[in-house]
């Protein structure tokens, strides 16, 4: 799994009232479920961490490759897909 601490720190800086550690746990749970083939949308807290992760494009691409073997796209609706046709 990935280290979400740096992402949690950035979320906490932007949203001091947010439980960033909980957001990190929920994001890791989302990624783990997706890696296991379980399709689910991320929680609102997890989505905050995901946004920070996506902004670090190089790390995000590397993590996606390691976790899924391909890039996991984030679309504005809060959903995700692996390719343009999904």
PDB file of N, CA and C in Angstrom:
ATOM      1  N   UNK A   1       0.854  -1.183   0.000  1.00  0.00           N
ATOM      2  CA  UNK A   1       0.000   0.000   0.000  1.00  0.00           C
ATOM      3  C   UNK A   1       0.894   1.239   0.000  1.00  0.00           C
ATOM      4  N   UNK A   2       0.308   2.371  -0.122  1.00  0.00           N
ATOM      5  CA  UNK A   2       1.076   3.611  -0.220  1.00  0.00           C
ATOM      6  C   UNK A   2       1.120   4.337   1.129  1.00  0.00           C
ATOM      7  N   UNK A   3       2.114   5.191   1.271  1.00  0.00           N
ATOM      8  CA  UNK A   3       2.241   6.050   2.449  1.00  0.00           C
ATOM      9  C   UNK A   3       1.411   7.303   2.194  1.00  0.00           C
ATOM     10  N   UNK A   4       0.334   7.469   2.923  1.00  0.00           N
ATOM     11  CA  UNK A   4      -0.549   8.623   2.725  1.00  0.00           C
ATOM     12  C   UNK A   4      -0.237   9.780   3.660  1.00  0.00           C
ATOM     13  N   UNK A   5       0.743   9.637   4.521  1.00  0.00           N
ATOM     14  CA  UNK A   5       1.044  10.697   5.502  1.00  0.00           C
ATOM     15  C   UNK A   5       1.316  12.056   4.849  1.00  0.00           C
ATOM     16  N   UNK A   6       2.158  12.125   3.801  1.00  0.00           N
ATOM     17  CA  UNK A   6       2.375  13.439   3.175  1.00  0.00           C
ATOM     18  C   UNK A   6       1.085  14.020   2.584  1.00  0.00           C
ATOM     19  N   UNK A   7       0.232  13.170   2.060  1.00  0.00           N
ATOM     20  CA  UNK A   7      -1.051  13.620   1.512  1.00  0.00           C
ATOM     21  C   UNK A   7      -1.966  14.099   2.630  1.00  0.00           C
ATOM     22  N   UNK A   8      -1.975  13.369   3.723  1.00  0.00           N
ATOM     23  CA  UNK A   8      -2.783  13.757   4.887  1.00  0.00           C
ATOM     24  C   UNK A   8      -2.336  15.123   5.407  1.00  0.00           C
ATOM     25  N   UNK A   9      -1.025  15.336   5.456  1.00  0.00           N
ATOM     26  CA  UNK A   9      -0.496  16.615   5.939  1.00  0.00           C
ATOM     27  C   UNK A   9      -0.985  17.767   5.060  1.00  0.00           C
ATOM     28  N   UNK A  10      -0.970  17.571   3.757  1.00  0.00           N
ATOM     29  CA  UNK A  10      -1.426  18.634   2.844  1.00  0.00           C
ATOM     30  C   UNK A  10      -2.920  18.886   2.998  1.00  0.00           C
ATOM     31  N   UNK A  11      -3.705  17.826   3.180  1.00  0.00           N
ATOM     32  CA  UNK A  11      -5.146  17.995   3.385  1.00  0.00           C
ATOM     33  C   UNK A  11      -5.391  18.747   4.683  1.00  0.00           C
ATOM     34  N   UNK A  12      -4.665  18.385   5.736  1.00  0.00           N
ATOM     35  CA  UNK A  12      -4.849  19.057   7.024  1.00  0.00           C
ATOM     36  C   UNK A  12      -4.494  20.544   6.942  1.00  0.00           C
ATOM     37  N   UNK A  13      -3.461  20.872   6.163  1.00  0.00           N
ATOM     38  CA  UNK A  13      -3.093  22.280   5.985  1.00  0.00           C
ATOM     39  C   UNK A  13      -4.223  23.067   5.321  1.00  0.00           C
ATOM     40  N   UNK A  14      -4.873  22.455   4.347  1.00  0.00           N
ATOM     41  CA  UNK A  14      -5.951  23.124   3.609  1.00  0.00           C
ATOM     42  C   UNK A  14      -7.261  23.141   4.389  1.00  0.00           C
ATOM     43  N   UNK A  15      -7.512  22.074   5.140  1.00  0.00           N
ATOM     44  CA  UNK A  15      -8.781  21.906   5.864  1.00  0.00           C
ATOM     45  C   UNK A  15      -8.478  21.497   7.305  1.00  0.00           C
ATOM     46  N   UNK A  16      -8.102  22.443   8.162  1.00  0.00           N
ATOM     47  CA  UNK A  16      -7.676  22.101   9.528  1.00  0.00           C
ATOM     48  C   UNK A  16      -8.718  21.345  10.354  1.00  0.00           C
ATOM     49  N   UNK A  17      -9.991  21.467  10.043  1.00  0.00           N
ATOM     50  CA  UNK A  17     -11.020  20.769  10.806  1.00  0.00           C
ATOM     51  C   UNK A  17     -11.241  19.329  10.391  1.00  0.00           C
ATOM     52  N   UNK A  18     -10.580  18.915   9.328  1.00  0.00           N
ATOM     53  CA  UNK A  18     -10.753  17.564   8.791  1.00  0.00           C
ATOM     54  C   UNK A  18      -9.882  16.577   9.566  1.00  0.00           C
ATOM     55  N   UNK A  19     -10.414  15.387   9.803  1.00  0.00           N
ATOM     56  CA  UNK A  19      -9.620  14.305  10.382  1.00  0.00           C
ATOM     57  C   UNK A  19      -8.821  13.679   9.239  1.00  0.00           C
ATOM     58  N   UNK A  20      -7.636  14.227   9.008  1.00  0.00           N
ATOM     59  CA  UNK A  20      -6.827  13.815   7.866  1.00  0.00           C
ATOM     60  C   UNK A  20      -6.361  12.364   7.984  1.00  0.00           C
ATOM     61  N   UNK A  21      -6.113  11.895   9.199  1.00  0.00           N
ATOM     62  CA  UNK A  21      -5.710  10.492   9.370  1.00  0.00           C
ATOM     63  C   UNK A  21      -6.835   9.562   8.954  1.00  0.00           C
ATOM     64  N   UNK A  22      -8.058   9.904   9.320  1.00  0.00           N
ATOM     65  CA  UNK A  22      -9.219   9.107   8.907  1.00  0.00           C
ATOM     66  C   UNK A  22      -9.366   9.152   7.387  1.00  0.00           C
ATOM     67  N   UNK A  23      -9.146  10.326   6.820  1.00  0.00           N
ATOM     68  CA  UNK A  23      -9.220  10.457   5.359  1.00  0.00           C
ATOM     69  C   UNK A  23      -8.191   9.553   4.689  1.00  0.00           C
ATOM     70  N   UNK A  24      -6.995   9.511   5.250  1.00  0.00           N
ATOM     71  CA  UNK A  24      -5.954   8.633   4.717  1.00  0.00           C
ATOM     72  C   UNK A  24      -6.333   7.165   4.805  1.00  0.00           C
ATOM     73  N   UNK A  25      -6.907   6.763   5.937  1.00  0.00           N
ATOM     74  CA  UNK A  25      -7.361   5.369   6.090  1.00  0.00           C
ATOM     75  C   UNK A  25      -8.437   5.036   5.056  1.00  0.00           C
ATOM     76  N   UNK A  26      -9.383   5.943   4.890  1.00  0.00           N
ATOM     77  CA  UNK A  26     -10.466   5.695   3.931  1.00  0.00           C
ATOM     78  C   UNK A  26      -9.935   5.650   2.497  1.00  0.00           C
ATOM     79  N   UNK A  27      -8.942   6.460   2.196  1.00  0.00           N
ATOM     80  CA  UNK A  27      -8.351   6.437   0.859  1.00  0.00           C
ATOM     81  C   UNK A  27      -7.610   5.124   0.625  1.00  0.00           C
ATOM     82  N   UNK A  28      -6.839   4.686   1.608  1.00  0.00           N
ATOM     83  CA  UNK A  28      -6.142   3.401   1.472  1.00  0.00           C
ATOM     84  C   UNK A  28      -7.146   2.263   1.321  1.00  0.00           C
ATOM     85  N   UNK A  29      -8.257   2.318   2.061  1.00  0.00           N
ATOM     86  CA  UNK A  29      -9.306   1.294   1.923  1.00  0.00           C
ATOM     87  C   UNK A  29      -9.897   1.302   0.521  1.00  0.00           C
ATOM     88  N   UNK A  30     -10.131   2.505  -0.025  1.00  0.00           N
ATOM     89  CA  UNK A  30     -10.649   2.636  -1.387  1.00  0.00           C
ATOM     90  C   UNK A  30      -9.680   2.017  -2.394  1.00  0.00           C
ATOM     91  N   UNK A  31      -8.396   2.369  -2.271  1.00  0.00           N
ATOM     92  CA  UNK A  31      -7.403   1.826  -3.200  1.00  0.00           C
ATOM     93  C   UNK A  31      -7.296   0.310  -3.075  1.00  0.00           C
ATOM     94  N   UNK A  32      -7.325  -0.180  -1.861  1.00  0.00           N
ATOM     95  CA  UNK A  32      -7.231  -1.622  -1.631  1.00  0.00           C
ATOM     96  C   UNK A  32      -8.418  -2.353  -2.243  1.00  0.00           C
ATOM     97  N   UNK A  33      -9.604  -1.811  -2.044  1.00  0.00           N
ATOM     98  CA  UNK A  33     -10.802  -2.423  -2.631  1.00  0.00           C
ATOM     99  C   UNK A  33     -10.706  -2.420  -4.145  1.00  0.00           C
ATOM    100  N   UNK A  34     -10.273  -1.294  -4.711  1.00  0.00           N
ATOM    101  CA  UNK A  34     -10.163  -1.196  -6.173  1.00  0.00           C
ATOM    102  C   UNK A  34      -9.133  -2.180  -6.696  1.00  0.00           C
ATOM    103  N   UNK A  35      -8.024  -2.343  -5.978  1.00  0.00           N
ATOM    104  CA  UNK A  35      -6.994  -3.306  -6.374  1.00  0.00           C
ATOM    105  C   UNK A  35      -7.524  -4.735  -6.332  1.00  0.00           C
ATOM    106  N   UNK A  36      -8.492  -4.981  -5.444  1.00  0.00           N
ATOM    107  CA  UNK A  36      -9.114  -6.304  -5.335  1.00  0.00           C
ATOM    108  C   UNK A  36     -10.272  -6.480  -6.313  1.00  0.00           C
ATOM    109  N   UNK A  37     -10.494  -5.475  -7.168  1.00  0.00           N
ATOM    110  CA  UNK A  37     -11.549  -5.570  -8.174  1.00  0.00           C
ATOM    111  C   UNK A  37     -12.920  -5.140  -7.697  1.00  0.00           C
ATOM    112  N   UNK A  38     -12.979  -4.572  -6.500  1.00  0.00           N
ATOM    113  CA  UNK A  38     -14.252  -4.103  -5.953  1.00  0.00           C
ATOM    114  C   UNK A  38     -14.486  -2.679  -6.427  1.00  0.00           C
ATOM    115  N   UNK A  39     -15.568  -2.470  -7.134  1.00  0.00           N
ATOM    116  CA  UNK A  39     -15.875  -1.138  -7.655  1.00  0.00           C
ATOM    117  C   UNK A  39     -16.715  -0.385  -6.644  1.00  0.00           C
ATOM    118  N   UNK A  40     -16.180   0.717  -6.182  1.00  0.00           N
ATOM    119  CA  UNK A  40     -16.892   1.573  -5.244  1.00  0.00           C
ATOM    120  C   UNK A  40     -16.381   2.982  -5.427  1.00  0.00           C
ATOM    121  N   UNK A  41     -17.192   3.936  -5.099  1.00  0.00           N
ATOM    122  CA  UNK A  41     -16.753   5.329  -5.130  1.00  0.00           C
ATOM    123  C   UNK A  41     -16.083   5.646  -3.804  1.00  0.00           C
ATOM    124  N   UNK A  42     -15.127   6.556  -3.812  1.00  0.00           N
ATOM    125  CA  UNK A  42     -14.467   6.922  -2.560  1.00  0.00           C
ATOM    126  C   UNK A  42     -15.392   7.758  -1.686  1.00  0.00           C
ATOM    127  N   UNK A  43     -15.166   7.699  -0.396  1.00  0.00           N
ATOM    128  CA  UNK A  43     -15.887   8.582   0.525  1.00  0.00           C
ATOM    129  C   UNK A  43     -15.455  10.018   0.258  1.00  0.00           C
ATOM    130  N   UNK A  44     -16.196  10.969   0.792  1.00  0.00           N
ATOM    131  CA  UNK A  44     -15.823  12.377   0.634  1.00  0.00           C
ATOM    132  C   UNK A  44     -14.446  12.655   1.232  1.00  0.00           C
ATOM    133  N   UNK A  45     -14.154  12.052   2.386  1.00  0.00           N
ATOM    134  CA  UNK A  45     -12.835  12.235   2.999  1.00  0.00           C
ATOM    135  C   UNK A  45     -11.730  11.631   2.132  1.00  0.00           C
ATOM    136  N   UNK A  46     -11.961  10.424   1.647  1.00  0.00           N
ATOM    137  CA  UNK A  46     -10.971   9.768   0.788  1.00  0.00           C
ATOM    138  C   UNK A  46     -10.727  10.581  -0.475  1.00  0.00           C
ATOM    139  N   UNK A  47     -11.771  11.199  -0.987  1.00  0.00           N
ATOM    140  CA  UNK A  47     -11.636  11.986  -2.213  1.00  0.00           C
ATOM    141  C   UNK A  47     -10.720  13.194  -1.995  1.00  0.00           C
ATOM    142  N   UNK A  48     -10.712  13.766  -0.803  1.00  0.00           N
ATOM    143  CA  UNK A  48      -9.794  14.870  -0.516  1.00  0.00           C
ATOM    144  C   UNK A  48      -8.339  14.415  -0.637  1.00  0.00           C
ATOM    145  N   UNK A  49      -8.055  13.236  -0.123  1.00  0.00           N
ATOM    146  CA  UNK A  49      -6.703  12.683  -0.221  1.00  0.00           C
ATOM    147  C   UNK A  49      -6.387  12.350  -1.669  1.00  0.00           C
ATOM    148  N   UNK A  50      -7.347  11.787  -2.380  1.00  0.00           N
ATOM    149  CA  UNK A  50      -7.147  11.423  -3.788  1.00  0.00           C
ATOM    150  C   UNK A  50      -6.764  12.660  -4.607  1.00  0.00           C
ATOM    151  N   UNK A  51      -7.442  13.768  -4.364  1.00  0.00           N
ATOM    152  CA  UNK A  51      -7.130  14.993  -5.102  1.00  0.00           C
ATOM    153  C   UNK A  51      -5.673  15.401  -4.872  1.00  0.00           C
ATOM    154  N   UNK A  52      -5.208  15.301  -3.637  1.00  0.00           N
ATOM    155  CA  UNK A  52      -3.812  15.637  -3.354  1.00  0.00           C
ATOM    156  C   UNK A  52      -2.866  14.658  -4.038  1.00  0.00           C
ATOM    157  N   UNK A  53      -3.234  13.405  -4.070  1.00  0.00           N
ATOM    158  CA  UNK A  53      -2.411  12.371  -4.698  1.00  0.00           C
ATOM    159  C   UNK A  53      -2.284  12.636  -6.200  1.00  0.00           C
ATOM    160  N   UNK A  54      -3.402  12.942  -6.839  1.00  0.00           N
ATOM    161  CA  UNK A  54      -3.412  13.184  -8.284  1.00  0.00           C
ATOM    162  C   UNK A  54      -2.534  14.385  -8.652  1.00  0.00           C
ATOM    163  N   UNK A  55      -2.468  15.377  -7.778  1.00  0.00           N
ATOM    164  CA  UNK A  55      -1.661  16.565  -8.068  1.00  0.00           C
ATOM    165  C   UNK A  55      -0.170  16.261  -8.163  1.00  0.00           C
ATOM    166  N   UNK A  56       0.262  15.210  -7.508  1.00  0.00           N
ATOM    167  CA  UNK A  56       1.658  14.768  -7.613  1.00  0.00           C
ATOM    168  C   UNK A  56       1.688  13.712  -8.718  1.00  0.00           C
ATOM    169  N   UNK A  57       1.650  14.181  -9.963  1.00  0.00           N
ATOM    170  CA  UNK A  57       1.397  13.290 -11.108  1.00  0.00           C
ATOM    171  C   UNK A  57       2.391  12.150 -11.232  1.00  0.00           C
ATOM    172  N   UNK A  58       3.659  12.427 -11.019  1.00  0.00           N
ATOM    173  CA  UNK A  58       4.665  11.371 -11.164  1.00  0.00           C
ATOM    174  C   UNK A  58       4.449  10.273 -10.125  1.00  0.00           C
ATOM    175  N   UNK A  59       4.291  10.680  -8.874  1.00  0.00           N
ATOM    176  CA  UNK A  59       4.070   9.695  -7.806  1.00  0.00           C
ATOM    177  C   UNK A  59       2.754   8.948  -8.031  1.00  0.00           C
ATOM    178  N   UNK A  60       1.714   9.689  -8.413  1.00  0.00           N
ATOM    179  CA  UNK A  60       0.410   9.061  -8.626  1.00  0.00           C
ATOM    180  C   UNK A  60       0.495   8.008  -9.731  1.00  0.00           C
ATOM    181  N   UNK A  61       1.139   8.346 -10.846  1.00  0.00           N
ATOM    182  CA  UNK A  61       1.275   7.383 -11.950  1.00  0.00           C
ATOM    183  C   UNK A  61       2.052   6.146 -11.502  1.00  0.00           C
ATOM    184  N   UNK A  62       3.135   6.362 -10.737  1.00  0.00           N
ATOM    185  CA  UNK A  62       3.922   5.225 -10.239  1.00  0.00           C
ATOM    186  C   UNK A  62       3.103   4.359  -9.291  1.00  0.00           C
ATOM    187  N   UNK A  63       2.368   4.996  -8.386  1.00  0.00           N
ATOM    188  CA  UNK A  63       1.544   4.243  -7.437  1.00  0.00           C
ATOM    189  C   UNK A  63       0.456   3.455  -8.160  1.00  0.00           C
ATOM    190  N   UNK A  64      -0.175   4.073  -9.148  1.00  0.00           N
ATOM    191  CA  UNK A  64      -1.207   3.361  -9.915  1.00  0.00           C
ATOM    192  C   UNK A  64      -0.615   2.138 -10.610  1.00  0.00           C
ATOM    193  N   UNK A  65       0.557   2.316 -11.204  1.00  0.00           N
ATOM    194  CA  UNK A  65       1.205   1.191 -11.873  1.00  0.00           C
ATOM    195  C   UNK A  65       1.501   0.053 -10.918  1.00  0.00           C
ATOM    196  N   UNK A  66       1.972   0.406  -9.727  1.00  0.00           N
ATOM    197  CA  UNK A  66       2.289  -0.616  -8.726  1.00  0.00           C
ATOM    198  C   UNK A  66       1.035  -1.287  -8.181  1.00  0.00           C
ATOM    199  N   UNK A  67      -0.014  -0.495  -7.925  1.00  0.00           N
ATOM    200  CA  UNK A  67      -1.239  -1.030  -7.316  1.00  0.00           C
ATOM    201  C   UNK A  67      -2.155  -1.747  -8.298  1.00  0.00           C
ATOM    202  N   UNK A  68      -2.259  -1.184  -9.513  1.00  0.00           N
ATOM    203  CA  UNK A  68      -3.264  -1.676 -10.459  1.00  0.00           C
ATOM    204  C   UNK A  68      -2.688  -2.181 -11.771  1.00  0.00           C
ATOM    205  N   UNK A  69      -1.442  -1.864 -12.040  1.00  0.00           N
ATOM    206  CA  UNK A  69      -0.849  -2.238 -13.313  1.00  0.00           C
ATOM    207  C   UNK A  69      -1.245  -1.302 -14.442  1.00  0.00           C
ATOM    208  N   UNK A  70      -1.943  -0.241 -14.123  1.00  0.00           N
ATOM    209  CA  UNK A  70      -2.361   0.763 -15.097  1.00  0.00           C
ATOM    210  C   UNK A  70      -2.833   2.006 -14.350  1.00  0.00           C
ATOM    211  N   UNK A  71      -3.090   3.054 -15.104  1.00  0.00           N
ATOM    212  CA  UNK A  71      -3.452   4.342 -14.527  1.00  0.00           C
ATOM    213  C   UNK A  71      -4.923   4.361 -14.137  1.00  0.00           C
ATOM    214  N   UNK A  72      -5.212   4.828 -12.949  1.00  0.00           N
ATOM    215  CA  UNK A  72      -6.592   4.980 -12.481  1.00  0.00           C
ATOM    216  C   UNK A  72      -6.969   6.450 -12.638  1.00  0.00           C
ATOM    217  N   UNK A  73      -7.829   6.733 -13.596  1.00  0.00           N
ATOM    218  CA  UNK A  73      -8.250   8.111 -13.856  1.00  0.00           C
ATOM    219  C   UNK A  73      -9.272   8.561 -12.828  1.00  0.00           C
ATOM    220  N   UNK A  74      -9.176   9.811 -12.449  1.00  0.00           N
ATOM    221  CA  UNK A  74     -10.166  10.458 -11.577  1.00  0.00           C
ATOM    222  C   UNK A  74     -10.926  11.423 -12.464  1.00  0.00           C
ATOM    223  N   UNK A  75     -12.243  11.308 -12.479  1.00  0.00           N
ATOM    224  CA  UNK A  75     -13.045  12.221 -13.289  1.00  0.00           C
ATOM    225  C   UNK A  75     -13.815  13.152 -12.359  1.00  0.00           C
ATOM    226  N   UNK A  76     -14.202  14.327 -12.838  1.00  0.00           N
ATOM    227  CA  UNK A  76     -14.817  15.327 -11.958  1.00  0.00           C
ATOM    228  C   UNK A  76     -16.043  14.866 -11.175  1.00  0.00           C
ATOM    229  N   UNK A  77     -16.734  13.870 -11.635  1.00  0.00           N
ATOM    230  CA  UNK A  77     -17.916  13.413 -10.915  1.00  0.00           C
ATOM    231  C   UNK A  77     -17.570  12.694  -9.622  1.00  0.00           C
ATOM    232  N   UNK A  78     -16.267  12.483  -9.373  1.00  0.00           N
ATOM    233  CA  UNK A  78     -15.834  11.761  -8.185  1.00  0.00           C
ATOM    234  C   UNK A  78     -15.711  10.275  -8.439  1.00  0.00           C
ATOM    235  N   UNK A  79     -15.977   9.885  -9.676  1.00  0.00           N
ATOM    236  CA  UNK A  79     -15.839   8.478 -10.034  1.00  0.00           C
ATOM    237  C   UNK A  79     -14.442   8.242 -10.565  1.00  0.00           C
ATOM    238  N   UNK A  80     -14.229   7.114 -11.136  1.00  0.00           N
ATOM    239  CA  UNK A  80     -12.923   6.772 -11.652  1.00  0.00           C
ATOM    240  C   UNK A  80     -13.092   5.805 -12.800  1.00  0.00           C
ATOM    241  N   UNK A  81     -12.043   5.656 -13.595  1.00  0.00           N
ATOM    242  CA  UNK A  81     -12.048   4.642 -14.653  1.00  0.00           C
ATOM    243  C   UNK A  81     -10.613   4.345 -15.025  1.00  0.00           C
ATOM    244  N   UNK A  82     -10.414   3.204 -15.632  1.00  0.00           N
ATOM    245  CA  UNK A  82      -9.082   2.823 -16.062  1.00  0.00           C
ATOM    246  C   UNK A  82      -8.801   3.267 -17.487  1.00  0.00           C
ATOM    247  N   UNK A  83      -9.828   3.518 -18.276  1.00  0.00           N
ATOM    248  CA  UNK A  83      -9.626   3.925 -19.647  1.00  0.00           C
ATOM    249  C   UNK A  83     -10.734   4.811 -20.129  1.00  0.00           C
ATOM    250  N   UNK A  84     -10.594   5.323 -21.320  1.00  0.00           N
ATOM    251  CA  UNK A  84     -11.575   6.247 -21.856  1.00  0.00           C
ATOM    252  C   UNK A  84     -12.940   5.606 -22.069  1.00  0.00           C
ATOM    253  N   UNK A  85     -12.985   4.307 -22.281  1.00  0.00           N
ATOM    254  CA  UNK A  85     -14.259   3.656 -22.594  1.00  0.00           C
ATOM    255  C   UNK A  85     -14.984   3.124 -21.371  1.00  0.00           C
ATOM    256  N   UNK A  86     -14.358   3.187 -20.220  1.00  0.00           N
ATOM    257  CA  UNK A  86     -15.014   2.655 -19.021  1.00  0.00           C
ATOM    258  C   UNK A  86     -15.876   3.716 -18.365  1.00  0.00           C
TER     259      UNK A  86
END
